[in-house]
Protein backbone atom coordinates (compact mmCIF):
# COMPACT_ATOMS: atom_id res chain seq x y z
CA MET A 1 -20.10 53.98 -28.40
CA SER A 2 -18.80 52.84 -25.39
CA LEU A 3 -19.88 54.63 -22.12
CA ARG A 4 -15.57 55.28 -21.14
CA ARG A 5 -16.02 56.98 -24.66
CA LEU A 6 -18.80 58.73 -23.95
CA ILE A 7 -17.84 60.08 -20.79
CA VAL A 8 -14.52 61.62 -22.60
CA GLN A 9 -16.58 62.72 -25.09
CA VAL A 10 -18.84 64.32 -23.90
CA ASP A 11 -19.32 68.41 -23.67
CA THR A 12 -19.40 69.43 -19.86
CA SER A 13 -20.90 72.66 -20.56
CA THR A 14 -23.65 71.26 -22.43
CA ILE A 15 -24.92 68.75 -19.77
CA ASN A 16 -25.67 68.07 -15.94
CA VAL A 17 -23.11 65.87 -15.17
CA THR A 18 -25.08 64.51 -11.77
CA GLU A 19 -28.13 63.48 -13.96
CA PHE A 20 -25.48 62.29 -16.92
CA CYS A 21 -24.32 59.58 -13.97
CA GLY A 22 -27.51 58.75 -12.35
CA VAL A 23 -28.90 57.93 -16.09
CA HIS A 24 -25.84 55.77 -17.26
CA GLY A 25 -25.16 54.42 -13.30
CA VAL A 26 -22.17 55.50 -12.77
CA SER A 27 -20.46 58.16 -10.02
CA THR A 28 -19.39 61.74 -10.49
CA TRP A 29 -16.02 60.60 -9.28
CA PHE A 30 -16.00 57.90 -11.53
CA PHE A 31 -16.97 60.62 -14.13
CA TYR A 32 -14.26 63.07 -13.34
CA ASP A 33 -11.35 60.41 -12.49
CA LEU A 34 -11.35 58.99 -16.09
CA ARG A 35 -11.32 62.53 -18.04
CA ARG A 36 -9.15 62.92 -16.03
CA ARG A 37 -6.95 59.79 -16.66
CA HIS A 38 -7.98 60.26 -20.45
CA ALA A 39 -5.87 63.32 -20.28
CA VAL A 40 -3.10 61.81 -19.23
CA ASP A 41 -2.97 58.45 -20.95
CA GLY A 42 -4.85 59.01 -23.86
CA ASP A 43 -7.22 56.28 -24.79
CA SER A 44 -5.75 53.52 -22.82
CA VAL A 45 -8.16 54.02 -19.63
CA LEU A 46 -10.51 53.25 -22.14
CA GLU A 47 -10.11 49.67 -21.79
CA PRO A 48 -10.76 48.68 -18.13
CA LYS A 49 -8.25 48.36 -15.81
CA SER A 50 -7.09 44.13 -14.20
CA ARG A 51 -8.44 43.62 -11.24
CA ALA A 52 -6.37 41.21 -10.74
CA PRO A 53 -4.12 41.68 -7.49
CA LEU A 54 -0.90 43.33 -7.88
CA SER A 55 0.86 40.50 -5.42
CA ILE A 56 -0.46 36.71 -4.64
CA PRO A 57 1.20 35.74 -1.09
CA ASN A 58 0.40 32.14 -1.69
CA LYS A 59 1.55 31.82 -5.06
CA THR A 60 4.74 29.27 -5.70
CA PRO A 61 7.67 31.63 -6.56
CA PRO A 62 9.34 30.49 -9.93
CA ASP A 63 12.35 28.93 -8.39
CA ILE A 64 9.97 26.03 -6.89
CA GLU A 65 8.22 25.67 -9.71
CA ASP A 66 11.50 25.44 -11.82
CA MET A 67 12.74 22.62 -8.48
CA ILE A 68 9.34 20.87 -9.11
CA VAL A 69 9.87 19.90 -12.88
CA SER A 70 13.41 19.14 -12.41
CA THR A 71 13.00 16.84 -9.69
CA ARG A 72 10.52 15.09 -12.04
CA LYS A 73 12.67 14.92 -14.81
CA GLU A 74 15.17 13.20 -12.48
CA LEU A 75 12.85 10.73 -11.17
CA ILE A 76 11.77 10.26 -15.02
CA ASP A 77 15.60 9.77 -15.92
CA GLN A 78 16.39 7.33 -13.17
CA GLY A 79 13.15 5.52 -14.15
CA LEU A 80 11.40 6.11 -10.94
CA ASP A 81 7.84 7.04 -10.01
CA ALA A 82 7.54 10.32 -10.44
CA GLY A 83 4.45 11.78 -8.82
CA PRO A 84 2.91 14.97 -6.53
CA GLN A 85 3.46 12.88 -3.91
CA THR A 86 6.61 11.86 -4.34
CA ILE A 87 8.01 14.74 -5.84
CA ARG A 88 6.90 16.28 -2.24
CA PHE A 89 8.82 13.60 -0.79
CA HIS A 90 11.99 14.88 -2.46
CA LEU A 91 11.64 18.78 -1.90
CA ASP A 92 11.34 17.69 2.01
CA GLY A 93 13.90 20.17 2.70
CA ILE A 94 13.21 23.47 1.85
CA ASP A 95 10.84 26.00 3.10
CA ARG A 96 7.26 26.17 2.29
CA VAL A 97 7.07 23.03 0.26
CA PRO A 98 4.08 22.95 -1.90
CA SER A 99 1.21 20.84 -1.60
CA VAL A 100 0.20 17.76 -3.43
CA ALA A 101 -2.24 19.21 -4.88
CA THR A 102 -0.31 22.47 -5.90
CA ILE A 103 2.60 20.32 -7.58
CA TRP A 104 0.17 18.80 -9.79
CA ARG A 105 -1.22 21.90 -10.82
CA ILE A 106 2.17 23.24 -11.65
CA LEU A 107 2.82 20.21 -13.64
CA LYS A 108 0.02 20.08 -15.62
CA ALA A 109 0.50 23.91 -16.23
CA ARG A 110 3.69 22.82 -17.39
CA GLY A 111 2.30 20.22 -19.97
CA PHE A 112 3.85 17.63 -17.59
CA VAL A 113 0.91 15.44 -17.12
CA GLN A 114 -2.95 15.32 -19.02
CA ALA A 115 -6.12 15.31 -16.98
CA GLU A 116 -7.98 12.11 -17.20
CA PRO A 117 -11.41 12.89 -16.05
CA ALA A 118 -12.67 9.26 -17.13
CA LYS A 119 -10.47 8.28 -14.53
CA ALA A 120 -12.57 6.67 -11.22
CA PRO A 121 -11.67 8.30 -8.31
CA LYS A 122 -10.03 6.82 -5.05
CA GLY A 123 -12.92 6.27 -3.69
CA ALA A 124 -14.52 3.94 -6.30
CA GLY A 125 -12.97 1.06 -4.94
CA ARG A 126 -12.67 -0.69 -1.36
CA ARG A 127 -8.69 -1.09 -0.57
CA PHE A 128 -7.64 -3.80 1.41
CA ASN A 129 -4.13 -3.64 3.51
CA ALA A 130 -3.06 -6.47 6.16
CA SER A 131 -2.88 -4.97 9.37
CA ARG A 132 0.50 -6.63 10.17
CA ALA A 133 3.24 -7.06 8.73
CA ASN A 134 4.00 -11.23 7.61
CA GLU A 135 0.39 -11.33 7.73
CA SER A 136 0.32 -11.84 3.86
CA TRP A 137 2.46 -12.31 1.01
CA GLN A 138 1.64 -11.30 -2.55
CA ILE A 139 3.92 -13.56 -4.92
CA ASP A 140 3.65 -13.44 -8.81
CA ASP A 141 6.41 -13.40 -12.11
CA THR A 142 6.69 -11.12 -14.39
CA SER A 143 8.42 -11.61 -17.94
CA TRP A 144 11.76 -10.04 -19.08
CA GLU A 145 14.20 -10.01 -21.85
CA LEU A 146 17.70 -9.86 -21.59
CA LYS A 147 19.99 -7.87 -24.08
CA ASP A 148 20.24 -11.05 -26.68
CA SER A 149 16.11 -11.21 -26.61
CA VAL A 150 16.61 -14.33 -24.15
CA PRO A 151 13.06 -14.23 -22.50
CA VAL A 152 13.53 -14.72 -18.82
CA LYS A 153 10.99 -14.19 -15.64
CA ILE A 154 11.46 -12.20 -12.22
CA LEU A 155 9.86 -13.50 -9.27
CA ASN A 156 8.44 -11.06 -7.18
CA VAL A 157 7.08 -11.35 -3.69
CA ILE A 158 5.75 -8.26 -1.50
CA ASP A 159 4.61 -7.94 1.74
CA ASP A 160 1.09 -6.70 1.79
CA HIS A 161 1.05 -4.76 4.64
CA SER A 162 4.43 -2.51 4.43
CA ARG A 163 4.70 -2.92 0.68
CA LEU A 164 8.38 -4.67 1.55
CA ALA A 165 9.95 -6.04 -1.41
CA VAL A 166 10.79 -10.05 0.44
CA ALA A 167 12.19 -11.27 -2.85
CA ILE A 168 12.89 -9.90 -6.53
CA THR A 169 14.64 -13.34 -8.26
CA ALA A 170 15.51 -13.68 -11.85
CA MET A 171 15.03 -17.08 -13.31
CA GLU A 172 14.51 -18.66 -16.68
CA THR A 173 11.75 -20.48 -16.04
CA CYS A 174 8.79 -19.75 -12.96
CA THR A 175 8.22 -23.41 -11.27
CA GLY A 176 6.65 -24.01 -7.95
CA GLU A 177 10.33 -25.47 -6.86
CA ALA A 178 12.25 -22.16 -8.11
CA SER A 179 9.48 -20.75 -5.97
CA LEU A 180 9.33 -22.15 -3.01
CA ALA A 181 13.10 -22.27 -2.93
CA VAL A 182 12.80 -18.30 -3.33
CA LEU A 183 10.48 -18.18 -0.45
CA ALA A 184 12.34 -19.57 1.76
CA LYS A 185 15.54 -18.08 1.04
CA ALA A 186 13.14 -14.98 2.13
CA ALA A 187 11.73 -16.71 5.35
CA GLY A 188 15.46 -16.95 6.46
CA LYS A 189 15.36 -13.40 6.55
CA TRP A 190 12.17 -11.46 6.97
CA GLY A 191 10.18 -15.05 9.05
CA TRP A 192 7.38 -16.76 7.54
CA PRO A 193 4.21 -15.43 6.80
CA ALA A 194 1.11 -16.58 7.78
CA ARG A 195 -0.70 -16.61 4.43
CA VAL A 196 0.87 -16.53 0.60
CA GLN A 197 -0.92 -15.18 -2.13
CA SER A 198 -0.84 -15.87 -5.56
CA ASP A 199 -2.77 -16.00 -8.90
CA ASN A 200 -3.99 -19.18 -10.34
CA ALA A 201 -0.70 -20.11 -12.49
CA GLN A 202 -0.10 -23.78 -12.22
CA ALA A 203 3.29 -23.19 -10.40
CA PHE A 204 1.83 -21.60 -7.49
CA LYS A 205 -2.18 -23.31 -7.48
CA ALA A 206 -0.40 -27.10 -7.86
CA VAL A 207 3.08 -27.02 -6.23
CA LEU A 208 3.83 -23.72 -4.21
CA SER A 209 0.31 -24.69 -2.24
CA GLN A 210 1.12 -27.94 -1.39
CA ALA A 211 4.67 -27.53 -0.50
CA LEU A 212 3.59 -24.38 2.27
CA ASP A 213 1.10 -27.03 3.70
CA PRO A 214 3.90 -28.71 6.29
CA LEU A 215 5.18 -25.66 7.15
CA GLY A 216 2.19 -23.96 8.23
CA VAL A 217 1.63 -21.13 5.75
CA ASN A 218 -2.18 -20.85 4.24
CA SER A 219 -1.65 -20.83 0.58
CA VAL A 220 -4.82 -18.59 -1.19
CA GLN A 221 -5.07 -18.11 -4.80
CA SER A 222 -6.85 -14.92 -6.49
CA ARG A 223 -10.15 -15.26 -8.17
CA ILE A 224 -10.27 -16.36 -11.58
CA TYR A 225 -10.71 -13.21 -13.86
CA HIS A 226 -10.21 -10.80 -11.01
CA PRO A 227 -6.23 -9.55 -11.02
CA GLN A 228 -7.10 -6.99 -8.41
CA THR A 229 -7.09 -9.19 -5.66
CA ASN A 230 -3.25 -9.51 -6.59
CA GLY A 231 -2.65 -5.64 -7.39
CA LYS A 232 -0.25 -4.87 -5.04
CA VAL A 233 2.40 -7.58 -6.75
CA GLU A 234 0.95 -6.42 -10.34
CA ARG A 235 1.48 -2.82 -9.65
CA PHE A 236 5.17 -3.46 -8.61
CA HIS A 237 5.84 -5.43 -11.86
CA GLN A 238 5.19 -1.79 -13.49
CA THR A 239 7.39 -0.29 -11.17
CA LEU A 240 10.39 -2.62 -11.83
CA LYS A 241 9.90 -2.97 -15.39
CA ARG A 242 10.15 1.10 -15.12
CA TRP A 243 13.32 1.40 -13.49
CA LEU A 244 14.55 -1.59 -15.51
CA GLN A 245 14.27 0.27 -18.90
CA LYS A 246 16.56 2.67 -17.81
CA GLN A 247 19.67 0.51 -17.09
CA ALA A 248 21.69 -1.04 -19.41
CA PRO A 249 20.69 -4.12 -20.77
CA ALA A 250 21.70 -7.12 -18.73
CA ALA A 251 23.54 -10.04 -20.94
CA THR A 252 23.54 -12.54 -18.24
CA LEU A 253 20.89 -14.04 -15.85
CA ALA A 254 23.37 -12.70 -12.95
CA ILE A 255 24.06 -9.64 -14.10
CA LEU A 256 20.24 -8.94 -14.36
CA GLN A 257 20.06 -10.11 -10.73
CA THR A 258 22.66 -7.36 -9.32
CA GLN A 259 20.41 -4.53 -11.20
CA LEU A 260 16.99 -6.32 -9.07
CA ASP A 261 18.98 -6.56 -5.64
CA GLU A 262 20.24 -2.94 -6.82
CA PHE A 263 16.58 -2.17 -7.24
CA LYS A 264 15.47 -3.73 -3.99
CA VAL A 265 17.95 -1.37 -2.19
CA ILE A 266 16.14 1.55 -3.65
CA TYR A 267 12.71 0.27 -3.40
CA ASN A 268 13.12 -0.56 0.37
CA THR A 269 15.11 2.15 1.96
CA LYS A 270 15.35 5.02 -0.46
CA ARG A 271 12.42 5.73 -2.12
CA LYS A 272 9.01 6.59 0.02
CA HIS A 273 6.20 4.46 -0.77
CA THR A 274 3.25 6.54 -0.36
CA ALA A 275 0.51 4.16 0.12
CA VAL A 276 2.38 3.41 3.37
CA ASN A 277 4.00 6.93 3.80
CA GLY A 278 7.63 5.71 4.76
CA PHE A 279 10.12 3.62 3.73
CA PRO A 280 9.14 -0.03 3.25
CA ALA A 281 11.51 -1.45 5.40
CA THR A 282 11.03 0.97 8.02
CA VAL A 283 6.89 0.44 7.95
CA TRP A 284 8.08 -3.19 8.04
CA ALA A 285 10.34 -3.49 11.05
CA ASP A 286 8.06 -0.37 13.23
CA ALA A 287 4.91 -2.75 12.49
CA PRO A 288 3.46 -5.92 14.53
CA LYS A 289 4.00 -9.13 13.17
CA ASP A 290 1.79 -12.15 11.97
CA GLY A 291 3.09 -15.98 10.80
CA PRO A 292 2.53 -19.33 10.54
CA ALA A 293 -0.38 -19.98 13.45
CA ALA A 294 1.69 -22.95 14.56
CA HIS A 295 4.71 -21.25 15.93
CA PRO A 296 5.13 -18.25 18.10
CA ILE A 297 5.47 -14.74 16.38
CA GLY A 298 8.96 -13.41 16.40
CA THR A 299 10.77 -16.36 17.64
CA ILE A 300 11.24 -18.90 14.50
CA GLN A 301 14.83 -18.68 12.54
CA THR A 302 14.52 -20.30 9.50
CA ARG A 303 17.40 -21.59 7.73
CA THR A 304 17.64 -23.29 4.47
CA TYR A 305 19.76 -25.60 2.14
CA LEU A 306 19.60 -26.54 -1.36
CA ASN A 307 22.22 -29.35 -2.48
CA LYS A 308 22.39 -32.22 -4.61
CA VAL A 309 21.16 -35.86 -3.30
CA ARG A 310 24.12 -38.00 -3.51
CA GLN A 311 23.99 -41.73 -1.82
CA GLY A 312 20.23 -41.41 -1.02
CA ARG A 313 21.35 -38.38 1.34
CA VAL A 314 21.95 -34.54 1.04
CA SER A 315 23.58 -32.12 3.20
CA THR A 316 22.88 -29.50 5.95
CA GLY A 317 26.28 -28.67 6.30
CA LYS A 318 29.56 -29.89 7.24
CA LYS A 319 28.03 -32.14 9.42
CA THR A 320 24.41 -33.83 9.26
CA ARG A 321 23.09 -35.74 6.51
CA VAL A 322 19.31 -36.15 5.99
CA THR A 323 18.81 -39.60 4.13
CA VAL A 324 15.81 -39.06 1.62
CA GLY A 325 16.13 -42.28 -0.81
CA SER A 326 18.55 -43.42 -3.70
CA GLN A 327 15.18 -43.03 -6.07
CA TYR A 328 15.95 -38.56 -5.31
CA ASN A 329 19.68 -39.21 -6.43
CA GLY A 330 21.19 -36.54 -8.38
CA GLN A 331 17.98 -34.26 -7.90
CA THR A 332 18.40 -30.86 -5.63
CA ALA A 333 16.91 -31.15 -2.45
CA LEU A 334 15.48 -27.93 -0.51
CA LEU A 335 15.88 -28.44 2.83
CA ILE A 336 14.12 -25.72 5.25
CA ILE A 337 14.96 -25.96 8.68
CA THR A 338 12.04 -23.97 10.76
CA GLY A 339 13.10 -23.80 14.43
CA THR A 340 13.77 -27.35 15.29
CA THR A 341 11.60 -28.91 12.32
CA LEU A 342 13.49 -29.92 9.11
CA GLN A 343 11.29 -30.24 5.62
CA ALA A 344 12.72 -31.88 3.23
CA PHE A 345 11.27 -31.10 -0.61
CA ILE A 346 12.51 -32.28 -4.01
CA ALA A 347 11.07 -30.87 -7.02
CA GLY A 348 8.57 -28.58 -4.49
CA LYS A 349 7.02 -31.70 -3.38
CA HIS A 350 7.11 -32.62 0.65
CA ILE A 351 9.45 -35.78 1.12
CA ARG A 352 10.09 -35.83 4.51
CA THR A 353 9.72 -33.99 8.30
CA ILE A 354 12.06 -34.25 10.73
CA HIS A 355 11.04 -33.04 14.50
CA ASN A 356 13.34 -32.26 16.87
CA PHE A 357 15.74 -31.33 14.60
CA ASP A 358 19.40 -31.39 16.20
CA PRO A 359 21.72 -29.77 13.93
CA GLN A 360 24.68 -31.69 15.95
CA ARG A 361 23.88 -35.12 15.02
CA HIS A 362 25.81 -36.82 11.73
CA THR A 363 22.82 -38.92 10.26
CA TYR A 364 19.15 -39.15 10.36
CA ARG A 365 17.84 -42.19 8.66
CA LEU A 366 14.72 -43.44 7.22
CA ARG A 367 12.71 -45.49 9.71
CA LYS A 368 12.35 -48.71 8.43
CA GLN A 369 9.11 -50.01 7.63
CA PRO A 370 8.16 -52.53 10.37
CA THR A 371 8.00 -56.24 9.25
CA ARG A 372 4.84 -58.23 9.04
């Protein structure tokens, strides 16, 4: 028999209550209070009362919990990251925004996340982050398919410091020549980086590294079988593909590029990046800048021209024509003008350099070889 049942059933006329309570380790107040409550409430008092507080001041209100869940669903439907940090950013306008840990616990309680204790803790690895914007760009391509299952490539370029999506470009195949053209176009808006980091793909290792050298940009490749070196752009592939999977399949490369341009705006200006605690475009704009060692930081402007070679010459606009040689007729030349220096590339190979380039000059001919 339980002690509580013994207390309510014992005949008080046959015992000494004080001695009874002393033997059983309870107070006389508890003895008489339990008997009083049993007379009113019956056998329900035989089970101990809950010791939980009647109210919890720091408990998240149900409406906030519902808002957390609905925000997560909306982000997932849009193909965007829907982790606790991102959810907290989107709840910034409400009173008493829950902490990231609280949001995670709510999602776990609602069955939206599964704990993975086998994962390594955040402090298990060393995280590298460039100290300046344009100190290092990471470049890599990833595979995608058009609506009719035609395979294509998407070339992504990320600024290591700010996580800015410098370029997101769709192409049929990723070549060194195409990669250089993408970098040159991006440099026209963001400036050249001091370093471009890639994996060991042939397009990057052989062609791109040689093409960047005349521009004063250092090219480095990640260690073999060590993809973490290029981890930021690898992670960006996942974020991009998650968003693309929520969009209508693109029928053409041009439609896919339109989608990529839309995502670029979202990623850079409308989606707070948790790793840099801000919008990538804002972080890039506010950060100190780096660039090629041969050029003063912040003084270089880049223009690019992509034109066919005709009669051995390629145009830089309406006025100036640069001679590269008739052997290149019909091929596409990439002209990169950085400051007052023009660099000519064909098929990713450096063909010619012109210092003190004057855009008002009509023609730049090849220098004649001296006669013997």
